[in-house]
Amino acid sequence: MRAAPQRAFGCCVPNGWGAHRLDSQMRRQVHHAIAALVLIAGVSTRASAATSAVNASTVSPTLQVSVTVQKAIALTLSQGATAGACNVTTASDYSISFGNVDALGINTPTCGASFLPTTPGASPSAYYTDYKLTPMFTNQSSTTATVTAYVSTNFATLSSILSVVQASSAPANIGALSAMSTSSGSPTSIGASLASGTAITRYIGVTVQPTNSGSSTVSGSDTATITYTMTVP
């Protein structure tokens, strides 16, 4: 008796064919997903680059500006406003000259003003002028400054008869002029609570003692140096 022919059913397929088809579909899906991510990443990169763009009519690049702000400070000296005030010249750092002076006050000052001696031949004469100081300071932690001064280099050969004197207001007489300090440790106050950019008027001069001596130099030319210090607390 002949055996009945066998029929192939859908569930009976060549070994591994279904798994291969499923694997291929999964690979295609993964490929498409990766391609989509790459496309999105590319679009995102182009969108975040502010210096250039495609398919666009504007770009918005940015620029960072960096600086370091430093404190600044300056003190200038200049000629006073009074008629005949001595000229303040810029010579290492500033300089002023009263010209010829004498202890009797005979010489008319080349600039500024003078006081005759209270007792001619026994007390000194004085020559003086007004001048301006202008403090300037920026980006400080304080809005005011102080200025002090002292004679940092005294007269070299005539210190026995010459003294630097000063006043904070117009002196009415020779007694209103006081000696400027010669010590850096205890300088003379020139001004306190000073505002930046506002000039102040002060007075500077010399007294001349009527000294006679047979053993030392008591006449001739000489120079003293005053050092000013401005401090912003």
C-alpha atoms as a PDB file:
ATOM      1  CA  MET A   1       0.000   0.000   0.000  1.00  0.00           C
ATOM      2  CA  ARG A   2       1.417   3.403  -1.113  1.00  0.00           C
ATOM      3  CA  ALA A   3       2.228   5.835   1.641  1.00  0.00           C
ATOM      4  CA  ALA A   4       0.229   9.092   1.601  1.00  0.00           C
ATOM      5  CA  PRO A   5       2.244  12.072   0.352  1.00  0.00           C
ATOM      6  CA  GLN A   6       3.296  14.495   3.016  1.00  0.00           C
ATOM      7  CA  ARG A   7       2.037  18.125   2.914  1.00  0.00           C
ATOM      8  CA  ALA A   8       4.049  21.082   3.922  1.00  0.00           C
ATOM      9  CA  PHE A   9       2.402  23.330   6.515  1.00  0.00           C
ATOM     10  CA  GLY A  10       3.207  26.945   7.184  1.00  0.00           C
ATOM     11  CA  CYS A  11       4.642  26.057  10.539  1.00  0.00           C
ATOM     12  CA  CYS A  12       7.055  23.779   9.011  1.00  0.00           C
ATOM     13  CA  VAL A  13       9.571  26.074   7.250  1.00  0.00           C
ATOM     14  CA  PRO A  14      13.240  25.584   6.528  1.00  0.00           C
ATOM     15  CA  ASN A  15      15.233  25.715   9.772  1.00  0.00           C
ATOM     16  CA  GLY A  16      16.334  29.351  10.679  1.00  0.00           C
ATOM     17  CA  TRP A  17      14.623  31.204   7.817  1.00  0.00           C
ATOM     18  CA  GLY A  18      12.089  33.000  10.040  1.00  0.00           C
ATOM     19  CA  ALA A  19      14.726  34.068  12.516  1.00  0.00           C
ATOM     20  CA  HIS A  20      16.876  35.429   9.679  1.00  0.00           C
ATOM     21  CA  ARG A  21      13.982  37.496   8.370  1.00  0.00           C
ATOM     22  CA  LEU A  22      13.241  38.873  11.833  1.00  0.00           C
ATOM     23  CA  ASP A  23      16.904  39.721  12.368  1.00  0.00           C
ATOM     24  CA  SER A  24      17.005  41.594   9.058  1.00  0.00           C
ATOM     25  CA  GLN A  25      13.959  43.637   9.998  1.00  0.00           C
ATOM     26  CA  MET A  26      15.498  44.536  13.348  1.00  0.00           C
ATOM     27  CA  ARG A  27      18.733  45.586  11.680  1.00  0.00           C
ATOM     28  CA  ARG A  28      16.827  47.817   9.276  1.00  0.00           C
ATOM     29  CA  GLN A  29      14.928  49.401  12.121  1.00  0.00           C
ATOM     30  CA  VAL A  30      18.132  50.035  14.078  1.00  0.00           C
ATOM     31  CA  HIS A  31      19.741  51.477  10.958  1.00  0.00           C
ATOM     32  CA  HIS A  32      16.829  53.833  10.406  1.00  0.00           C
ATOM     33  CA  ALA A  33      16.915  54.885  14.067  1.00  0.00           C
ATOM     34  CA  ILE A  34      20.643  55.626  13.910  1.00  0.00           C
ATOM     35  CA  ALA A  35      20.194  57.595  10.706  1.00  0.00           C
ATOM     36  CA  ALA A  36      17.439  59.625  12.339  1.00  0.00           C
ATOM     37  CA  LEU A  37      19.621  60.366  15.357  1.00  0.00           C
ATOM     38  CA  VAL A  38      22.492  61.442  13.128  1.00  0.00           C
ATOM     39  CA  LEU A  39      20.147  63.737  11.208  1.00  0.00           C
ATOM     40  CA  ILE A  40      18.775  65.245  14.422  1.00  0.00           C
ATOM     41  CA  ALA A  41      22.277  65.711  15.811  1.00  0.00           C
ATOM     42  CA  GLY A  42      23.344  67.446  12.618  1.00  0.00           C
ATOM     43  CA  VAL A  43      20.375  69.773  12.691  1.00  0.00           C
ATOM     44  CA  SER A  44      21.009  70.517  16.379  1.00  0.00           C
ATOM     45  CA  THR A  45      24.693  71.268  15.724  1.00  0.00           C
ATOM     46  CA  ARG A  46      23.860  73.617  12.878  1.00  0.00           C
ATOM     47  CA  ALA A  47      21.226  75.349  14.980  1.00  0.00           C
ATOM     48  CA  SER A  48      23.607  75.954  17.920  1.00  0.00           C
ATOM     49  CA  ALA A  49      26.448  77.389  15.830  1.00  0.00           C
ATOM     50  CA  ALA A  50      25.678  81.121  16.095  1.00  0.00           C
ATOM     51  CA  THR A  51      28.351  82.334  13.653  1.00  0.00           C
ATOM     52  CA  SER A  52      26.922  80.593  10.585  1.00  0.00           C
ATOM     53  CA  ALA A  53      23.734  78.956   9.427  1.00  0.00           C
ATOM     54  CA  VAL A  54      22.161  77.370   6.346  1.00  0.00           C
ATOM     55  CA  ASN A  55      18.602  77.889   5.166  1.00  0.00           C
ATOM     56  CA  ALA A  56      18.472  80.984   7.400  1.00  0.00           C
ATOM     57  CA  SER A  57      18.434  84.760   6.996  1.00  0.00           C
ATOM     58  CA  THR A  58      20.041  85.771  10.348  1.00  0.00           C
ATOM     59  CA  VAL A  59      22.829  84.676  12.654  1.00  0.00           C
ATOM     60  CA  SER A  60      23.480  85.844  16.232  1.00  0.00           C
ATOM     61  CA  PRO A  61      27.143  85.466  17.247  1.00  0.00           C
ATOM     62  CA  THR A  62      28.259  86.639  20.692  1.00  0.00           C
ATOM     63  CA  LEU A  63      31.394  88.487  21.868  1.00  0.00           C
ATOM     64  CA  GLN A  64      32.743  88.381  25.413  1.00  0.00           C
ATOM     65  CA  VAL A  65      34.500  91.547  26.616  1.00  0.00           C
ATOM     66  CA  SER A  66      36.871  91.170  29.593  1.00  0.00           C
ATOM     67  CA  VAL A  67      38.749  93.879  31.488  1.00  0.00           C
ATOM     68  CA  THR A  68      40.539  94.326  34.799  1.00  0.00           C
ATOM     69  CA  VAL A  69      39.702  97.642  36.453  1.00  0.00           C
ATOM     70  CA  GLN A  70      42.572  99.098  38.477  1.00  0.00           C
ATOM     71  CA  LYS A  71      42.615 101.866  41.042  1.00  0.00           C
ATOM     72  CA  ALA A  72      44.134 105.156  39.869  1.00  0.00           C
ATOM     73  CA  ILE A  73      45.447 108.115  41.856  1.00  0.00           C
ATOM     74  CA  ALA A  74      47.184 111.413  41.056  1.00  0.00           C
ATOM     75  CA  LEU A  75      48.091 114.670  42.801  1.00  0.00           C
ATOM     76  CA  THR A  76      48.957 117.763  40.786  1.00  0.00           C
ATOM     77  CA  LEU A  77      50.336 121.141  41.845  1.00  0.00           C
ATOM     78  CA  SER A  78      49.655 124.310  39.866  1.00  0.00           C
ATOM     79  CA  GLN A  79      49.894 128.100  40.027  1.00  0.00           C
ATOM     80  CA  GLY A  80      47.578 129.865  42.455  1.00  0.00           C
ATOM     81  CA  ALA A  81      44.742 132.134  41.408  1.00  0.00           C
ATOM     82  CA  THR A  82      46.019 135.267  43.179  1.00  0.00           C
ATOM     83  CA  ALA A  83      47.449 137.943  40.902  1.00  0.00           C
ATOM     84  CA  GLY A  84      51.232 137.607  40.911  1.00  0.00           C
ATOM     85  CA  ALA A  85      51.253 134.073  42.323  1.00  0.00           C
ATOM     86  CA  CYS A  86      54.493 132.235  41.643  1.00  0.00           C
ATOM     87  CA  ASN A  87      54.486 129.933  38.663  1.00  0.00           C
ATOM     88  CA  VAL A  88      54.633 126.222  39.467  1.00  0.00           C
ATOM     89  CA  THR A  89      56.677 124.494  36.796  1.00  0.00           C
ATOM     90  CA  THR A  90      56.895 120.790  36.076  1.00  0.00           C
ATOM     91  CA  ALA A  91      60.484 119.997  36.867  1.00  0.00           C
ATOM     92  CA  SER A  92      61.169 116.862  38.858  1.00  0.00           C
ATOM     93  CA  ASP A  93      58.292 116.879  39.877  1.00  0.00           C
ATOM     94  CA  TYR A  94      57.401 120.524  40.462  1.00  0.00           C
ATOM     95  CA  SER A  95      59.457 123.612  41.222  1.00  0.00           C
ATOM     96  CA  ILE A  96      58.935 127.189  42.348  1.00  0.00           C
ATOM     97  CA  SER A  97      61.324 130.132  42.750  1.00  0.00           C
ATOM     98  CA  PHE A  98      61.049 133.309  44.798  1.00  0.00           C
ATOM     99  CA  GLY A  99      64.152 134.806  43.217  1.00  0.00           C
ATOM    100  CA  ASN A 100      66.157 137.222  45.367  1.00  0.00           C
ATOM    101  CA  VAL A 101      65.185 137.423  49.042  1.00  0.00           C
ATOM    102  CA  ASP A 102      66.684 139.134  52.093  1.00  0.00           C
ATOM    103  CA  ALA A 103      66.081 139.253  55.836  1.00  0.00           C
ATOM    104  CA  LEU A 104      65.073 142.945  55.814  1.00  0.00           C
ATOM    105  CA  GLY A 105      62.446 142.505  53.100  1.00  0.00           C
ATOM    106  CA  ILE A 106      64.123 145.064  50.842  1.00  0.00           C
ATOM    107  CA  ASN A 107      63.915 142.911  47.727  1.00  0.00           C
ATOM    108  CA  THR A 108      60.555 143.099  46.006  1.00  0.00           C
ATOM    109  CA  PRO A 109      59.522 139.463  45.418  1.00  0.00           C
ATOM    110  CA  THR A 110      59.632 138.381  41.790  1.00  0.00           C
ATOM    111  CA  CYS A 111      56.360 136.564  42.479  1.00  0.00           C
ATOM    112  CA  GLY A 112      54.002 136.095  45.376  1.00  0.00           C
ATOM    113  CA  ALA A 113      54.120 138.425  48.364  1.00  0.00           C
ATOM    114  CA  SER A 114      56.301 139.169  51.373  1.00  0.00           C
ATOM    115  CA  PHE A 115      56.162 140.219  55.011  1.00  0.00           C
ATOM    116  CA  LEU A 116      58.627 142.645  56.500  1.00  0.00           C
ATOM    117  CA  PRO A 117      60.327 141.551  59.709  1.00  0.00           C
ATOM    118  CA  THR A 118      58.538 142.471  62.908  1.00  0.00           C
ATOM    119  CA  THR A 119      61.812 143.738  64.267  1.00  0.00           C
ATOM    120  CA  PRO A 120      64.156 144.602  61.397  1.00  0.00           C
ATOM    121  CA  GLY A 121      67.580 143.117  61.881  1.00  0.00           C
ATOM    122  CA  ALA A 122      66.402 140.843  64.723  1.00  0.00           C
ATOM    123  CA  SER A 123      63.435 138.853  63.372  1.00  0.00           C
ATOM    124  CA  PRO A 124      63.004 137.145  59.981  1.00  0.00           C
ATOM    125  CA  SER A 125      61.261 138.323  56.868  1.00  0.00           C
ATOM    126  CA  ALA A 126      59.019 136.007  54.837  1.00  0.00           C
ATOM    127  CA  TYR A 127      58.289 135.431  51.168  1.00  0.00           C
ATOM    128  CA  TYR A 128      55.273 133.343  50.192  1.00  0.00           C
ATOM    129  CA  THR A 129      52.748 132.512  47.469  1.00  0.00           C
ATOM    130  CA  ASP A 130      49.496 130.682  47.050  1.00  0.00           C
ATOM    131  CA  TYR A 131      49.322 127.548  44.926  1.00  0.00           C
ATOM    132  CA  LYS A 132      46.786 124.850  44.090  1.00  0.00           C
ATOM    133  CA  LEU A 133      46.729 121.136  44.761  1.00  0.00           C
ATOM    134  CA  THR A 134      44.288 118.928  42.867  1.00  0.00           C
ATOM    135  CA  PRO A 135      43.728 115.392  44.168  1.00  0.00           C
ATOM    136  CA  MET A 136      42.361 112.847  41.699  1.00  0.00           C
ATOM    137  CA  PHE A 137      41.473 109.254  42.457  1.00  0.00           C
ATOM    138  CA  THR A 138      39.174 106.694  40.865  1.00  0.00           C
ATOM    139  CA  ASN A 139      37.644 103.317  41.711  1.00  0.00           C
ATOM    140  CA  GLN A 140      38.719 103.548  45.327  1.00  0.00           C
ATOM    141  CA  SER A 141      36.855 102.213  48.343  1.00  0.00           C
ATOM    142  CA  SER A 142      36.640 105.759  49.756  1.00  0.00           C
ATOM    143  CA  THR A 143      35.290 109.033  48.377  1.00  0.00           C
ATOM    144  CA  THR A 144      37.785 111.312  50.150  1.00  0.00           C
ATOM    145  CA  ALA A 145      41.551 111.661  50.486  1.00  0.00           C
ATOM    146  CA  THR A 146      44.114 113.220  52.809  1.00  0.00           C
ATOM    147  CA  VAL A 147      47.286 115.073  51.827  1.00  0.00           C
ATOM    148  CA  THR A 148      50.366 115.558  53.989  1.00  0.00           C
ATOM    149  CA  ALA A 149      53.778 117.070  53.313  1.00  0.00           C
ATOM    150  CA  TYR A 150      57.220 117.402  54.852  1.00  0.00           C
ATOM    151  CA  VAL A 151      60.597 118.825  53.894  1.00  0.00           C
ATOM    152  CA  SER A 152      62.299 115.692  52.631  1.00  0.00           C
ATOM    153  CA  THR A 153      65.512 117.493  51.645  1.00  0.00           C
ATOM    154  CA  ASN A 154      66.295 120.602  53.622  1.00  0.00           C
ATOM    155  CA  PHE A 155      68.381 123.505  52.411  1.00  0.00           C
ATOM    156  CA  ALA A 156      71.914 122.240  51.995  1.00  0.00           C
ATOM    157  CA  THR A 157      74.065 125.253  52.950  1.00  0.00           C
ATOM    158  CA  LEU A 158      71.581 127.821  54.275  1.00  0.00           C
ATOM    159  CA  SER A 159      69.450 125.705  56.622  1.00  0.00           C
ATOM    160  CA  SER A 160      70.568 127.900  59.523  1.00  0.00           C
ATOM    161  CA  ILE A 161      68.785 130.946  58.081  1.00  0.00           C
ATOM    162  CA  LEU A 162      66.118 129.542  55.721  1.00  0.00           C
ATOM    163  CA  SER A 163      62.978 127.625  56.720  1.00  0.00           C
ATOM    164  CA  VAL A 164      60.057 126.380  54.640  1.00  0.00           C
ATOM    165  CA  VAL A 165      56.777 127.771  55.974  1.00  0.00           C
ATOM    166  CA  GLN A 166      53.169 127.124  55.001  1.00  0.00           C
ATOM    167  CA  ALA A 167      49.551 128.025  55.707  1.00  0.00           C
ATOM    168  CA  SER A 168      46.156 126.587  54.812  1.00  0.00           C
ATOM    169  CA  SER A 169      44.574 130.011  54.363  1.00  0.00           C
ATOM    170  CA  ALA A 170      45.795 133.434  53.305  1.00  0.00           C
ATOM    171  CA  PRO A 171      48.167 134.639  56.038  1.00  0.00           C
ATOM    172  CA  ALA A 172      47.397 138.026  57.531  1.00  0.00           C
ATOM    173  CA  ASN A 173      50.872 138.417  59.000  1.00  0.00           C
ATOM    174  CA  ILE A 174      54.164 136.602  59.292  1.00  0.00           C
ATOM    175  CA  GLY A 175      52.985 134.818  62.423  1.00  0.00           C
ATOM    176  CA  ALA A 176      50.303 133.024  60.387  1.00  0.00           C
ATOM    177  CA  LEU A 177      53.005 131.142  58.501  1.00  0.00           C
ATOM    178  CA  SER A 178      54.151 128.032  60.373  1.00  0.00           C
ATOM    179  CA  ALA A 179      57.213 125.894  59.772  1.00  0.00           C
ATOM    180  CA  MET A 180      56.641 122.802  57.658  1.00  0.00           C
ATOM    181  CA  SER A 181      57.657 119.513  59.235  1.00  0.00           C
ATOM    182  CA  THR A 182      61.019 118.031  58.339  1.00  0.00           C
ATOM    183  CA  SER A 183      60.015 114.534  59.518  1.00  0.00           C
ATOM    184  CA  SER A 184      58.350 111.893  57.367  1.00  0.00           C
ATOM    185  CA  GLY A 185      57.006 110.293  60.535  1.00  0.00           C
ATOM    186  CA  SER A 186      55.042 113.381  61.537  1.00  0.00           C
ATOM    187  CA  PRO A 187      54.296 115.326  58.351  1.00  0.00           C
ATOM    188  CA  THR A 188      52.302 118.549  58.127  1.00  0.00           C
ATOM    189  CA  SER A 189      48.622 118.143  57.273  1.00  0.00           C
ATOM    190  CA  ILE A 190      47.771 119.850  54.001  1.00  0.00           C
ATOM    191  CA  GLY A 191      44.159 118.741  53.738  1.00  0.00           C
ATOM    192  CA  ALA A 192      41.655 116.088  54.844  1.00  0.00           C
ATOM    193  CA  SER A 193      38.342 114.830  53.467  1.00  0.00           C
ATOM    194  CA  LEU A 194      39.372 116.038  50.027  1.00  0.00           C
ATOM    195  CA  ALA A 195      37.145 115.264  47.054  1.00  0.00           C
ATOM    196  CA  SER A 196      38.532 113.914  43.806  1.00  0.00           C
ATOM    197  CA  GLY A 197      38.995 116.531  41.098  1.00  0.00           C
ATOM    198  CA  THR A 198      38.459 119.499  43.403  1.00  0.00           C
ATOM    199  CA  ALA A 199      41.428 121.872  43.695  1.00  0.00           C
ATOM    200  CA  ILE A 200      42.376 123.340  47.064  1.00  0.00           C
ATOM    201  CA  THR A 201      44.421 126.496  47.663  1.00  0.00           C
ATOM    202  CA  ARG A 202      47.368 126.447  50.039  1.00  0.00           C
ATOM    203  CA  TYR A 203      50.290 128.791  50.802  1.00  0.00           C
ATOM    204  CA  ILE A 204      54.011 128.049  50.763  1.00  0.00           C
ATOM    205  CA  GLY A 205      57.026 130.216  51.447  1.00  0.00           C
ATOM    206  CA  VAL A 206      60.333 130.755  53.224  1.00  0.00           C
ATOM    207  CA  THR A 207      61.495 132.802  56.164  1.00  0.00           C
ATOM    208  CA  VAL A 208      64.912 134.451  56.122  1.00  0.00           C
ATOM    209  CA  GLN A 209      66.750 134.903  59.436  1.00  0.00           C
ATOM    210  CA  PRO A 210      68.955 138.040  59.837  1.00  0.00           C
ATOM    211  CA  THR A 211      72.014 136.000  60.765  1.00  0.00           C
ATOM    212  CA  ASN A 212      75.552 137.363  60.544  1.00  0.00           C
ATOM    213  CA  SER A 213      78.481 134.985  60.850  1.00  0.00           C
ATOM    214  CA  GLY A 214      82.162 135.049  60.183  1.00  0.00           C
ATOM    215  CA  SER A 215      82.506 131.288  60.096  1.00  0.00           C
ATOM    216  CA  SER A 216      79.619 129.960  57.981  1.00  0.00           C
ATOM    217  CA  THR A 217      77.835 130.693  54.736  1.00  0.00           C
ATOM    218  CA  VAL A 218      74.741 132.834  55.294  1.00  0.00           C
ATOM    219  CA  SER A 219      74.029 134.026  51.767  1.00  0.00           C
ATOM    220  CA  GLY A 220      73.810 132.581  48.281  1.00  0.00           C
ATOM    221  CA  SER A 221      71.488 130.208  46.440  1.00  0.00           C
ATOM    222  CA  ASP A 222      69.958 127.086  47.942  1.00  0.00           C
ATOM    223  CA  THR A 223      67.072 124.691  47.366  1.00  0.00           C
ATOM    224  CA  ALA A 224      64.819 122.555  49.556  1.00  0.00           C
ATOM    225  CA  THR A 225      62.505 119.739  48.489  1.00  0.00           C
ATOM    226  CA  ILE A 226      59.020 119.083  49.850  1.00  0.00           C
ATOM    227  CA  THR A 227      57.401 115.679  49.471  1.00  0.00           C
ATOM    228  CA  TYR A 228      53.609 115.488  49.329  1.00  0.00           C
ATOM    229  CA  THR A 229      51.720 112.285  50.060  1.00  0.00           C
ATOM    230  CA  MET A 230      48.084 111.720  49.174  1.00  0.00           C
ATOM    231  CA  THR A 231      46.288 108.780  50.750  1.00  0.00           C
ATOM    232  CA  VAL A 232      42.813 107.485  49.975  1.00  0.00           C
ATOM    233  CA  PRO A 233      41.689 105.620  53.123  1.00  0.00           C
END
